[in-house]
PDB file of all heavy atoms in Angstrom:
ATOM      1  N   HIS A   1    -102.338 -68.416   3.229  1.00  0.00           N
ATOM      2  CA  HIS A   1    -101.206 -67.483   3.168  1.00  0.00           C
ATOM      3  C   HIS A   1    -100.434 -67.480   4.482  1.00  0.00           C
ATOM      4  O   HIS A   1     -99.204 -67.411   4.489  1.00  0.00           O
ATOM      5  CB  HIS A   1    -101.710 -66.079   2.840  1.00  0.00           C
ATOM      6  CG  HIS A   1    -102.300 -65.948   1.469  1.00  0.00           C
ATOM      7  ND1 HIS A   1    -101.584 -66.177   0.319  1.00  0.00           N
ATOM      8  CD2 HIS A   1    -103.557 -65.612   1.064  1.00  0.00           C
ATOM      9  CE1 HIS A   1    -102.346 -65.991  -0.748  1.00  0.00           C
ATOM     10  NE2 HIS A   1    -103.563 -65.654  -0.323  1.00  0.00           N
ATOM     11  N   LEU A   2    -101.166 -67.561   5.600  1.00  0.00           N
ATOM     12  CA  LEU A   2    -100.512 -67.559   6.909  1.00  0.00           C
ATOM     13  C   LEU A   2     -99.655 -68.802   7.108  1.00  0.00           C
ATOM     14  O   LEU A   2     -98.595 -68.736   7.751  1.00  0.00           O
ATOM     15  CB  LEU A   2    -101.579 -67.477   8.010  1.00  0.00           C
ATOM     16  CG  LEU A   2    -101.085 -67.563   9.459  1.00  0.00           C
ATOM     17  CD1 LEU A   2    -100.195 -66.373   9.798  1.00  0.00           C
ATOM     18  CD2 LEU A   2    -102.260 -67.646  10.427  1.00  0.00           C
ATOM     19  N   ALA A   3    -100.087 -69.938   6.570  1.00  0.00           N
ATOM     20  CA  ALA A   3     -99.390 -71.203   6.790  1.00  0.00           C
ATOM     21  C   ALA A   3     -97.924 -71.133   6.379  1.00  0.00           C
ATOM     22  O   ALA A   3     -97.063 -71.756   7.005  1.00  0.00           O
ATOM     23  CB  ALA A   3    -100.099 -72.322   6.029  1.00  0.00           C
ATOM     24  N   ALA A   4     -97.617 -70.356   5.352  1.00  0.00           N
ATOM     25  CA  ALA A   4     -96.240 -70.269   4.855  1.00  0.00           C
ATOM     26  C   ALA A   4     -95.286 -69.646   5.865  1.00  0.00           C
ATOM     27  O   ALA A   4     -94.066 -69.715   5.686  1.00  0.00           O
ATOM     28  CB  ALA A   4     -96.205 -69.476   3.551  1.00  0.00           C
ATOM     29  N   TYR A   5     -95.834 -69.045   6.932  1.00  0.00           N
ATOM     30  CA  TYR A   5     -94.999 -68.413   7.961  1.00  0.00           C
ATOM     31  C   TYR A   5     -94.982 -69.224   9.255  1.00  0.00           C
ATOM     32  O   TYR A   5     -94.479 -68.750  10.271  1.00  0.00           O
ATOM     33  CB  TYR A   5     -95.509 -67.001   8.247  1.00  0.00           C
ATOM     34  CG  TYR A   5     -95.474 -66.100   7.037  1.00  0.00           C
ATOM     35  CD1 TYR A   5     -96.609 -65.932   6.245  1.00  0.00           C
ATOM     36  CD2 TYR A   5     -94.302 -65.437   6.663  1.00  0.00           C
ATOM     37  CE1 TYR A   5     -96.581 -65.116   5.128  1.00  0.00           C
ATOM     38  CE2 TYR A   5     -94.271 -64.623   5.547  1.00  0.00           C
ATOM     39  CZ  TYR A   5     -95.414 -64.467   4.777  1.00  0.00           C
ATOM     40  OH  TYR A   5     -95.377 -63.663   3.658  1.00  0.00           O
ATOM     41  N   LEU A   6     -95.494 -70.455   9.197  1.00  0.00           N
ATOM     42  CA  LEU A   6     -95.588 -71.281  10.404  1.00  0.00           C
ATOM     43  C   LEU A   6     -94.658 -72.490  10.283  1.00  0.00           C
ATOM     44  O   LEU A   6     -94.667 -73.185   9.252  1.00  0.00           O
ATOM     45  CB  LEU A   6     -97.032 -71.746  10.608  1.00  0.00           C
ATOM     46  CG  LEU A   6     -98.084 -70.634  10.693  1.00  0.00           C
ATOM     47  CD1 LEU A   6     -99.476 -71.229  10.827  1.00  0.00           C
ATOM     48  CD2 LEU A   6     -97.783 -69.693  11.852  1.00  0.00           C
ATOM     49  N   PRO A   7     -93.861 -72.781  11.308  1.00  0.00           N
ATOM     50  CA  PRO A   7     -92.886 -73.884  11.216  1.00  0.00           C
ATOM     51  C   PRO A   7     -93.501 -75.261  10.950  1.00  0.00           C
ATOM     52  O   PRO A   7     -92.907 -76.050  10.208  1.00  0.00           O
ATOM     53  CB  PRO A   7     -92.148 -73.834  12.557  1.00  0.00           C
ATOM     54  CG  PRO A   7     -92.964 -72.942  13.432  1.00  0.00           C
ATOM     55  CD  PRO A   7     -93.711 -72.018  12.554  1.00  0.00           C
ATOM     56  N   PRO A   8     -94.676 -75.621  11.515  1.00  0.00           N
ATOM     57  CA  PRO A   8     -95.211 -76.953  11.205  1.00  0.00           C
ATOM     58  C   PRO A   8     -95.497 -77.145   9.726  1.00  0.00           C
ATOM     59  O   PRO A   8     -95.353 -78.254   9.202  1.00  0.00           O
ATOM     60  CB  PRO A   8     -96.510 -77.025  12.025  1.00  0.00           C
ATOM     61  CG  PRO A   8     -96.352 -76.002  13.093  1.00  0.00           C
ATOM     62  CD  PRO A   8     -95.535 -74.918  12.499  1.00  0.00           C
ATOM     63  N   TYR A   9     -95.913 -76.085   9.053  1.00  0.00           N
ATOM     64  CA  TYR A   9     -96.174 -76.170   7.614  1.00  0.00           C
ATOM     65  C   TYR A   9     -94.915 -76.602   6.868  1.00  0.00           C
ATOM     66  O   TYR A   9     -94.959 -77.471   5.980  1.00  0.00           O
ATOM     67  CB  TYR A   9     -96.660 -74.827   7.085  1.00  0.00           C
ATOM     68  CG  TYR A   9     -96.760 -74.764   5.577  1.00  0.00           C
ATOM     69  CD1 TYR A   9     -97.873 -75.270   4.909  1.00  0.00           C
ATOM     70  CD2 TYR A   9     -95.723 -74.216   4.816  1.00  0.00           C
ATOM     71  CE1 TYR A   9     -97.958 -75.224   3.517  1.00  0.00           C
ATOM     72  CE2 TYR A   9     -95.798 -74.163   3.433  1.00  0.00           C
ATOM     73  CZ  TYR A   9     -96.914 -74.672   2.788  1.00  0.00           C
ATOM     74  OH  TYR A   9     -96.986 -74.629   1.412  1.00  0.00           O
ATOM     75  N   HIS A  10     -93.782 -76.025   7.223  1.00  0.00           N
ATOM     76  CA  HIS A  10     -92.544 -76.308   6.502  1.00  0.00           C
ATOM     77  C   HIS A  10     -92.054 -77.733   6.768  1.00  0.00           C
ATOM     78  O   HIS A  10     -91.563 -78.411   5.847  1.00  0.00           O
ATOM     79  CB  HIS A  10     -91.485 -75.284   6.877  1.00  0.00           C
ATOM     80  CG  HIS A  10     -91.794 -73.909   6.367  1.00  0.00           C
ATOM     81  ND1 HIS A  10     -91.454 -73.485   5.109  1.00  0.00           N
ATOM     82  CD2 HIS A  10     -92.470 -72.878   6.941  1.00  0.00           C
ATOM     83  CE1 HIS A  10     -91.879 -72.244   4.919  1.00  0.00           C
ATOM     84  NE2 HIS A  10     -92.499 -71.854   6.025  1.00  0.00           N
ATOM     85  N   LEU A  11     -92.196 -78.205   7.999  1.00  0.00           N
ATOM     86  CA  LEU A  11     -91.821 -79.602   8.261  1.00  0.00           C
ATOM     87  C   LEU A  11     -92.759 -80.547   7.520  1.00  0.00           C
ATOM     88  O   LEU A  11     -92.316 -81.554   6.952  1.00  0.00           O
ATOM     89  CB  LEU A  11     -91.860 -79.892   9.760  1.00  0.00           C
ATOM     90  CG  LEU A  11     -91.527 -81.334  10.165  1.00  0.00           C
ATOM     91  CD1 LEU A  11     -90.141 -81.737   9.658  1.00  0.00           C
ATOM     92  CD2 LEU A  11     -91.611 -81.516  11.676  1.00  0.00           C
ATOM     93  N   ALA A  12     -94.049 -80.230   7.504  1.00  0.00           N
ATOM     94  CA  ALA A  12     -95.012 -81.075   6.791  1.00  0.00           C
ATOM     95  C   ALA A  12     -94.696 -81.123   5.299  1.00  0.00           C
ATOM     96  O   ALA A  12     -94.824 -82.179   4.664  1.00  0.00           O
ATOM     97  CB  ALA A  12     -96.428 -80.559   7.023  1.00  0.00           C
ATOM     98  N   GLN A  13     -94.275 -79.990   4.715  1.00  0.00           N
ATOM     99  CA  GLN A  13     -93.956 -79.979   3.286  1.00  0.00           C
ATOM    100  C   GLN A  13     -92.710 -80.812   2.988  1.00  0.00           C
ATOM    101  O   GLN A  13     -92.625 -81.463   1.938  1.00  0.00           O
ATOM    102  CB  GLN A  13     -93.774 -78.543   2.790  1.00  0.00           C
ATOM    103  CG  GLN A  13     -95.023 -77.695   2.878  1.00  0.00           C
ATOM    104  CD  GLN A  13     -96.255 -78.370   2.305  1.00  0.00           C
ATOM    105  OE1 GLN A  13     -96.241 -78.843   1.161  1.00  0.00           O
ATOM    106  NE2 GLN A  13     -97.330 -78.417   3.077  1.00  0.00           N
ATOM    107  N   LEU A  14     -91.744 -80.802   3.896  1.00  0.00           N
ATOM    108  CA  LEU A  14     -90.578 -81.672   3.718  1.00  0.00           C
ATOM    109  C   LEU A  14     -90.991 -83.138   3.777  1.00  0.00           C
ATOM    110  O   LEU A  14     -90.522 -83.959   2.979  1.00  0.00           O
ATOM    111  CB  LEU A  14     -89.532 -81.378   4.802  1.00  0.00           C
ATOM    112  CG  LEU A  14     -88.764 -80.060   4.670  1.00  0.00           C
ATOM    113  CD1 LEU A  14     -87.894 -79.836   5.906  1.00  0.00           C
ATOM    114  CD2 LEU A  14     -87.894 -80.076   3.405  1.00  0.00           C
ATOM    115  N   ALA A  15     -91.870 -83.459   4.727  1.00  0.00           N
ATOM    116  CA  ALA A  15     -92.345 -84.841   4.847  1.00  0.00           C
ATOM    117  C   ALA A  15     -93.167 -85.242   3.628  1.00  0.00           C
ATOM    118  O   ALA A  15     -93.021 -86.354   3.095  1.00  0.00           O
ATOM    119  CB  ALA A  15     -93.175 -84.997   6.127  1.00  0.00           C
ATOM    120  N   LEU A  16     -94.024 -84.337   3.165  1.00  0.00           N
ATOM    121  CA  LEU A  16     -94.824 -84.630   1.970  1.00  0.00           C
ATOM    122  C   LEU A  16     -93.939 -84.754   0.735  1.00  0.00           C
ATOM    123  O   LEU A  16     -94.228 -85.552  -0.172  1.00  0.00           O
ATOM    124  CB  LEU A  16     -95.867 -83.522   1.760  1.00  0.00           C
ATOM    125  CG  LEU A  16     -97.051 -83.539   2.716  1.00  0.00           C
ATOM    126  CD1 LEU A  16     -97.826 -82.225   2.640  1.00  0.00           C
ATOM    127  CD2 LEU A  16     -97.978 -84.712   2.396  1.00  0.00           C
ATOM    128  N   GLY A  17     -92.871 -83.966   0.689  1.00  0.00           N
ATOM    129  CA  GLY A  17     -91.954 -84.051  -0.443  1.00  0.00           C
ATOM    130  C   GLY A  17     -91.333 -85.425  -0.584  1.00  0.00           C
ATOM    131  O   GLY A  17     -91.087 -85.904  -1.702  1.00  0.00           O
ATOM    132  N   VAL A  18     -91.077 -86.078   0.544  1.00  0.00           N
ATOM    133  CA  VAL A  18     -90.538 -87.446   0.516  1.00  0.00           C
ATOM    134  C   VAL A  18     -91.516 -88.396  -0.176  1.00  0.00           C
ATOM    135  O   VAL A  18     -91.118 -89.321  -0.888  1.00  0.00           O
ATOM    136  CB  VAL A  18     -90.249 -87.930   1.954  1.00  0.00           C
ATOM    137  CG1 VAL A  18     -89.919 -89.423   1.972  1.00  0.00           C
ATOM    138  CG2 VAL A  18     -89.117 -87.121   2.567  1.00  0.00           C
ATOM    139  N   LEU A  19     -92.809 -88.130   0.015  1.00  0.00           N
ATOM    140  CA  LEU A  19     -93.854 -89.002  -0.535  1.00  0.00           C
ATOM    141  C   LEU A  19     -94.341 -88.540  -1.903  1.00  0.00           C
ATOM    142  O   LEU A  19     -95.261 -89.139  -2.476  1.00  0.00           O
ATOM    143  CB  LEU A  19     -95.040 -89.073   0.435  1.00  0.00           C
ATOM    144  CG  LEU A  19     -94.700 -89.515   1.866  1.00  0.00           C
ATOM    145  CD1 LEU A  19     -95.950 -89.521   2.729  1.00  0.00           C
ATOM    146  CD2 LEU A  19     -94.039 -90.886   1.864  1.00  0.00           C
ATOM    147  N   GLY A  20     -93.748 -87.454  -2.424  1.00  0.00           N
ATOM    148  CA  GLY A  20     -94.115 -86.974  -3.748  1.00  0.00           C
ATOM    149  C   GLY A  20     -95.260 -85.993  -3.765  1.00  0.00           C
ATOM    150  O   GLY A  20     -95.867 -85.782  -4.825  1.00  0.00           O
ATOM    151  N   GLY A  21     -95.553 -85.337  -2.631  1.00  0.00           N
ATOM    152  CA  GLY A  21     -96.691 -84.423  -2.585  1.00  0.00           C
ATOM    153  C   GLY A  21     -96.392 -83.093  -1.947  1.00  0.00           C
ATOM    154  O   GLY A  21     -97.299 -82.450  -1.412  1.00  0.00           O
ATOM    155  N   GLY A  22     -95.145 -82.653  -1.998  1.00  0.00           N
ATOM    156  CA  GLY A  22     -94.794 -81.366  -1.404  1.00  0.00           C
ATOM    157  C   GLY A  22     -95.284 -80.205  -2.250  1.00  0.00           C
ATOM    158  O   GLY A  22     -95.798 -80.381  -3.360  1.00  0.00           O
ATOM    159  N   ASP A  23     -95.109 -78.977  -1.736  1.00  0.00           N
ATOM    160  CA  ASP A  23     -95.549 -77.805  -2.494  1.00  0.00           C
ATOM    161  C   ASP A  23     -94.498 -77.416  -3.527  1.00  0.00           C
ATOM    162  O   ASP A  23     -93.526 -78.147  -3.752  1.00  0.00           O
ATOM    163  CB  ASP A  23     -95.872 -76.640  -1.548  1.00  0.00           C
ATOM    164  CG  ASP A  23     -94.646 -76.177  -0.754  1.00  0.00           C
ATOM    165  OD1 ASP A  23     -93.528 -76.641  -1.037  1.00  0.00           O
ATOM    166  OD2 ASP A  23     -94.812 -75.340   0.156  1.00  0.00           O
ATOM    167  N   ALA A  24     -94.697 -76.240  -4.146  1.00  0.00           N
ATOM    168  CA  ALA A  24     -93.810 -75.828  -5.240  1.00  0.00           C
ATOM    169  C   ALA A  24     -92.458 -75.316  -4.747  1.00  0.00           C
ATOM    170  O   ALA A  24     -91.527 -75.176  -5.547  1.00  0.00           O
ATOM    171  CB  ALA A  24     -94.504 -74.741  -6.070  1.00  0.00           C
ATOM    172  N   GLN A  25     -92.326 -75.022  -3.466  1.00  0.00           N
ATOM    173  CA  GLN A  25     -91.066 -74.519  -2.925  1.00  0.00           C
ATOM    174  C   GLN A  25     -90.024 -75.636  -2.856  1.00  0.00           C
ATOM    175  O   GLN A  25     -90.361 -76.813  -2.713  1.00  0.00           O
ATOM    176  CB  GLN A  25     -91.283 -73.933  -1.529  1.00  0.00           C
ATOM    177  CG  GLN A  25     -92.206 -72.727  -1.495  1.00  0.00           C
ATOM    178  CD  GLN A  25     -91.550 -71.464  -1.996  1.00  0.00           C
ATOM    179  OE1 GLN A  25     -90.337 -71.422  -2.223  1.00  0.00           O
ATOM    180  NE2 GLN A  25     -92.342 -70.424  -2.187  1.00  0.00           N
ATOM    181  N   SER A  26     -88.758 -75.236  -2.932  1.00  0.00           N
ATOM    182  CA  SER A  26     -87.686 -76.227  -2.846  1.00  0.00           C
ATOM    183  C   SER A  26     -87.511 -76.694  -1.409  1.00  0.00           C
ATOM    184  O   SER A  26     -87.808 -75.942  -0.460  1.00  0.00           O
ATOM    185  CB  SER A  26     -86.370 -75.630  -3.354  1.00  0.00           C
ATOM    186  OG  SER A  26     -85.888 -74.665  -2.429  1.00  0.00           O
ATOM    187  N   PRO A  27     -87.010 -77.917  -1.201  1.00  0.00           N
ATOM    188  CA  PRO A  27     -86.740 -78.381   0.172  1.00  0.00           C
ATOM    189  C   PRO A  27     -85.790 -77.457   0.924  1.00  0.00           C
ATOM    190  O   PRO A  27     -85.917 -77.297   2.148  1.00  0.00           O
ATOM    191  CB  PRO A  27     -86.120 -79.766  -0.043  1.00  0.00           C
ATOM    192  CG  PRO A  27     -86.648 -80.219  -1.363  1.00  0.00           C
ATOM    193  CD  PRO A  27     -86.763 -78.976  -2.196  1.00  0.00           C
ATOM    194  N   LEU A  28     -84.853 -76.829   0.201  1.00  0.00           N
ATOM    195  CA  LEU A  28     -83.903 -75.919   0.848  1.00  0.00           C
ATOM    196  C   LEU A  28     -84.622 -74.738   1.490  1.00  0.00           C
ATOM    197  O   LEU A  28     -84.248 -74.290   2.578  1.00  0.00           O
ATOM    198  CB  LEU A  28     -82.872 -75.423  -0.174  1.00  0.00           C
ATOM    199  CG  LEU A  28     -81.772 -74.505   0.380  1.00  0.00           C
ATOM    200  CD1 LEU A  28     -80.969 -75.216   1.463  1.00  0.00           C
ATOM    201  CD2 LEU A  28     -80.862 -74.029  -0.748  1.00  0.00           C
ATOM    202  N   HIS A  29     -85.655 -74.243   0.832  1.00  0.00           N
ATOM    203  CA  HIS A  29     -86.440 -73.134   1.404  1.00  0.00           C
ATOM    204  C   HIS A  29     -87.039 -73.537   2.749  1.00  0.00           C
ATOM    205  O   HIS A  29     -86.978 -72.773   3.720  1.00  0.00           O
ATOM    206  CB  HIS A  29     -87.543 -72.730   0.423  1.00  0.00           C
ATOM    207  CG  HIS A  29     -88.569 -71.810   1.017  1.00  0.00           C
ATOM    208  ND1 HIS A  29     -88.336 -70.468   1.236  1.00  0.00           N
ATOM    209  CD2 HIS A  29     -89.845 -72.045   1.460  1.00  0.00           C
ATOM    210  CE1 HIS A  29     -89.416 -69.907   1.774  1.00  0.00           C
ATOM    211  NE2 HIS A  29     -90.335 -70.838   1.926  1.00  0.00           N
ATOM    212  N   HIS A  30     -87.613 -74.723   2.811  1.00  0.00           N
ATOM    213  CA  HIS A  30     -88.224 -75.189   4.061  1.00  0.00           C
ATOM    214  C   HIS A  30     -87.169 -75.426   5.132  1.00  0.00           C
ATOM    215  O   HIS A  30     -87.389 -75.109   6.310  1.00  0.00           O
ATOM    216  CB  HIS A  30     -89.019 -76.468   3.801  1.00  0.00           C
ATOM    217  CG  HIS A  30     -90.126 -76.300   2.802  1.00  0.00           C
ATOM    218  ND1 HIS A  30     -91.141 -75.390   2.973  1.00  0.00           N
ATOM    219  CD2 HIS A  30     -90.370 -76.912   1.624  1.00  0.00           C
ATOM    220  CE1 HIS A  30     -91.970 -75.458   1.945  1.00  0.00           C
ATOM    221  NE2 HIS A  30     -91.526 -76.367   1.121  1.00  0.00           N
ATOM    222  N   LEU A  31     -86.023 -75.967   4.733  1.00  0.00           N
ATOM    223  CA  LEU A  31     -84.936 -76.195   5.690  1.00  0.00           C
ATOM    224  C   LEU A  31     -84.419 -74.883   6.260  1.00  0.00           C
ATOM    225  O   LEU A  31     -84.155 -74.776   7.469  1.00  0.00           O
ATOM    226  CB  LEU A  31     -83.803 -76.965   5.019  1.00  0.00           C
ATOM    227  CG  LEU A  31     -84.043 -78.447   4.752  1.00  0.00           C
ATOM    228  CD1 LEU A  31     -82.932 -79.008   3.874  1.00  0.00           C
ATOM    229  CD2 LEU A  31     -84.114 -79.230   6.063  1.00  0.00           C
ATOM    230  N   GLU A  32     -84.258 -73.877   5.407  1.00  0.00           N
ATOM    231  CA  GLU A  32     -83.771 -72.576   5.859  1.00  0.00           C
ATOM    232  C   GLU A  32     -84.744 -71.952   6.850  1.00  0.00           C
ATOM    233  O   GLU A  32     -84.330 -71.374   7.865  1.00  0.00           O
ATOM    234  CB  GLU A  32     -83.568 -71.649   4.661  1.00  0.00           C
ATOM    235  CG  GLU A  32     -82.366 -72.015   3.799  1.00  0.00           C
ATOM    236  CD  GLU A  32     -82.283 -71.170   2.544  1.00  0.00           C
ATOM    237  OE1 GLU A  32     -83.300 -70.518   2.187  1.00  0.00           O
ATOM    238  OE2 GLU A  32     -81.208 -71.146   1.915  1.00  0.00           O
ATOM    239  N   PHE A  33     -86.042 -72.058   6.563  1.00  0.00           N
ATOM    240  CA  PHE A  33     -87.034 -71.502   7.480  1.00  0.00           C
ATOM    241  C   PHE A  33     -86.956 -72.196   8.837  1.00  0.00           C
ATOM    242  O   PHE A  33     -86.936 -71.530   9.883  1.00  0.00           O
ATOM    243  CB  PHE A  33     -88.441 -71.658   6.890  1.00  0.00           C
ATOM    244  CG  PHE A  33     -89.511 -71.013   7.739  1.00  0.00           C
ATOM    245  CD1 PHE A  33     -89.965 -69.735   7.444  1.00  0.00           C
ATOM    246  CD2 PHE A  33     -90.052 -71.668   8.837  1.00  0.00           C
ATOM    247  CE1 PHE A  33     -90.944 -69.130   8.238  1.00  0.00           C
ATOM    248  CE2 PHE A  33     -91.024 -71.074   9.634  1.00  0.00           C
ATOM    249  CZ  PHE A  33     -91.467 -69.802   9.328  1.00  0.00           C
ATOM    250  N   LEU A  34     -86.896 -73.519   8.842  1.00  0.00           N
ATOM    251  CA  LEU A  34     -86.863 -74.264  10.102  1.00  0.00           C
ATOM    252  C   LEU A  34     -85.568 -74.004  10.869  1.00  0.00           C
ATOM    253  O   LEU A  34     -85.578 -73.905  12.100  1.00  0.00           O
ATOM    254  CB  LEU A  34     -87.037 -75.755   9.831  1.00  0.00           C
ATOM    255  CG  LEU A  34     -88.430 -76.183   9.359  1.00  0.00           C
ATOM    256  CD1 LEU A  34     -88.423 -77.644   8.925  1.00  0.00           C
ATOM    257  CD2 LEU A  34     -89.468 -75.977  10.467  1.00  0.00           C
ATOM    258  N   PHE A  35     -84.465 -73.870  10.139  1.00  0.00           N
ATOM    259  CA  PHE A  35     -83.190 -73.578  10.797  1.00  0.00           C
ATOM    260  C   PHE A  35     -83.240 -72.198  11.452  1.00  0.00           C
ATOM    261  O   PHE A  35     -82.824 -72.027  12.612  1.00  0.00           O
ATOM    262  CB  PHE A  35     -82.048 -73.638   9.783  1.00  0.00           C
ATOM    263  CG  PHE A  35     -80.689 -73.396  10.380  1.00  0.00           C
ATOM    264  CD1 PHE A  35     -80.086 -74.342  11.186  1.00  0.00           C
ATOM    265  CD2 PHE A  35     -80.023 -72.198  10.139  1.00  0.00           C
ATOM    266  CE1 PHE A  35     -78.832 -74.111  11.749  1.00  0.00           C
ATOM    267  CE2 PHE A  35     -78.778 -71.959  10.699  1.00  0.00           C
ATOM    268  CZ  PHE A  35     -78.182 -72.915  11.504  1.00  0.00           C
ATOM    269  N   GLY A  36     -83.757 -71.210  10.723  1.00  0.00           N
ATOM    270  CA  GLY A  36     -83.875 -69.871  11.283  1.00  0.00           C
ATOM    271  C   GLY A  36     -84.806 -69.841  12.480  1.00  0.00           C
ATOM    272  O   GLY A  36     -84.525 -69.182  13.493  1.00  0.00           O
ATOM    273  N   PHE A  37     -85.921 -70.562  12.390  1.00  0.00           N
ATOM    274  CA  PHE A  37     -86.855 -70.612  13.513  1.00  0.00           C
ATOM    275  C   PHE A  37     -86.216 -71.267  14.728  1.00  0.00           C
ATOM    276  O   PHE A  37     -86.424 -70.830  15.866  1.00  0.00           O
ATOM    277  CB  PHE A  37     -88.116 -71.376  13.112  1.00  0.00           C
ATOM    278  CG  PHE A  37     -89.094 -71.555  14.244  1.00  0.00           C
ATOM    279  CD1 PHE A  37     -89.938 -70.525  14.616  1.00  0.00           C
ATOM    280  CD2 PHE A  37     -89.142 -72.748  14.960  1.00  0.00           C
ATOM    281  CE1 PHE A  37     -90.826 -70.673  15.681  1.00  0.00           C
ATOM    282  CE2 PHE A  37     -90.023 -72.901  16.023  1.00  0.00           C
ATOM    283  CZ  PHE A  37     -90.865 -71.860  16.376  1.00  0.00           C
ATOM    284  N   THR A  38     -85.437 -72.320  14.510  1.00  0.00           N
ATOM    285  CA  THR A  38     -84.765 -73.006  15.618  1.00  0.00           C
ATOM    286  C   THR A  38     -83.812 -72.057  16.338  1.00  0.00           C
ATOM    287  O   THR A  38     -83.783 -72.000  17.580  1.00  0.00           O
ATOM    288  CB  THR A  38     -83.991 -74.228  15.107  1.00  0.00           C
ATOM    289  OG1 THR A  38     -84.888 -75.117  14.434  1.00  0.00           O
ATOM    290  CG2 THR A  38     -83.321 -74.977  16.248  1.00  0.00           C
ATOM    291  N   LEU A  39     -83.032 -71.298  15.573  1.00  0.00           N
ATOM    292  CA  LEU A  39     -82.110 -70.337  16.184  1.00  0.00           C
ATOM    293  C   LEU A  39     -82.866 -69.265  16.960  1.00  0.00           C
ATOM    294  O   LEU A  39     -82.458 -68.880  18.070  1.00  0.00           O
ATOM    295  CB  LEU A  39     -81.238 -69.687  15.102  1.00  0.00           C
ATOM    296  CG  LEU A  39     -80.233 -70.589  14.391  1.00  0.00           C
ATOM    297  CD1 LEU A  39     -79.449 -69.795  13.358  1.00  0.00           C
ATOM    298  CD2 LEU A  39     -79.278 -71.250  15.388  1.00  0.00           C
ATOM    299  N   LEU A  40     -83.958 -68.783  16.390  1.00  0.00           N
ATOM    300  CA  LEU A  40     -84.762 -67.768  17.079  1.00  0.00           C
ATOM    301  C   LEU A  40     -85.325 -68.310  18.392  1.00  0.00           C
ATOM    302  O   LEU A  40     -85.261 -67.643  19.437  1.00  0.00           O
ATOM    303  CB  LEU A  40     -85.902 -67.310  16.163  1.00  0.00           C
ATOM    304  CG  LEU A  40     -86.893 -66.299  16.756  1.00  0.00           C
ATOM    305  CD1 LEU A  40     -86.180 -64.998  17.098  1.00  0.00           C
ATOM    306  CD2 LEU A  40     -88.044 -66.041  15.788  1.00  0.00           C
ATOM    307  N   ALA A  41     -85.881 -69.531  18.349  1.00  0.00           N
ATOM    308  CA  ALA A  41     -86.453 -70.129  19.555  1.00  0.00           C
ATOM    309  C   ALA A  41     -85.380 -70.372  20.605  1.00  0.00           C
ATOM    310  O   ALA A  41     -85.611 -70.157  21.807  1.00  0.00           O
ATOM    311  CB  ALA A  41     -87.171 -71.433  19.203  1.00  0.00           C
ATOM    312  N   LEU A  42     -84.199 -70.811  20.179  1.00  0.00           N
ATOM    313  CA  LEU A  42     -83.111 -71.024  21.134  1.00  0.00           C
ATOM    314  C   LEU A  42     -82.655 -69.705  21.753  1.00  0.00           C
ATOM    315  O   LEU A  42     -82.291 -69.656  22.933  1.00  0.00           O
ATOM    316  CB  LEU A  42     -81.940 -71.725  20.448  1.00  0.00           C
ATOM    317  CG  LEU A  42     -82.134 -73.202  20.115  1.00  0.00           C
ATOM    318  CD1 LEU A  42     -80.934 -73.737  19.337  1.00  0.00           C
ATOM    319  CD2 LEU A  42     -82.344 -74.031  21.391  1.00  0.00           C
TER     320      LEU A  42
END
């Protein structure tokens, strides 16, 4: 459950999605999370 709130999880799911093994979430969900995290970190 915690993994869904961690940025490495979302990048890994995008990478796995390329290979046909991502989770049930859409790629857009993972992109939005990473974009928001990037803005927060900046």
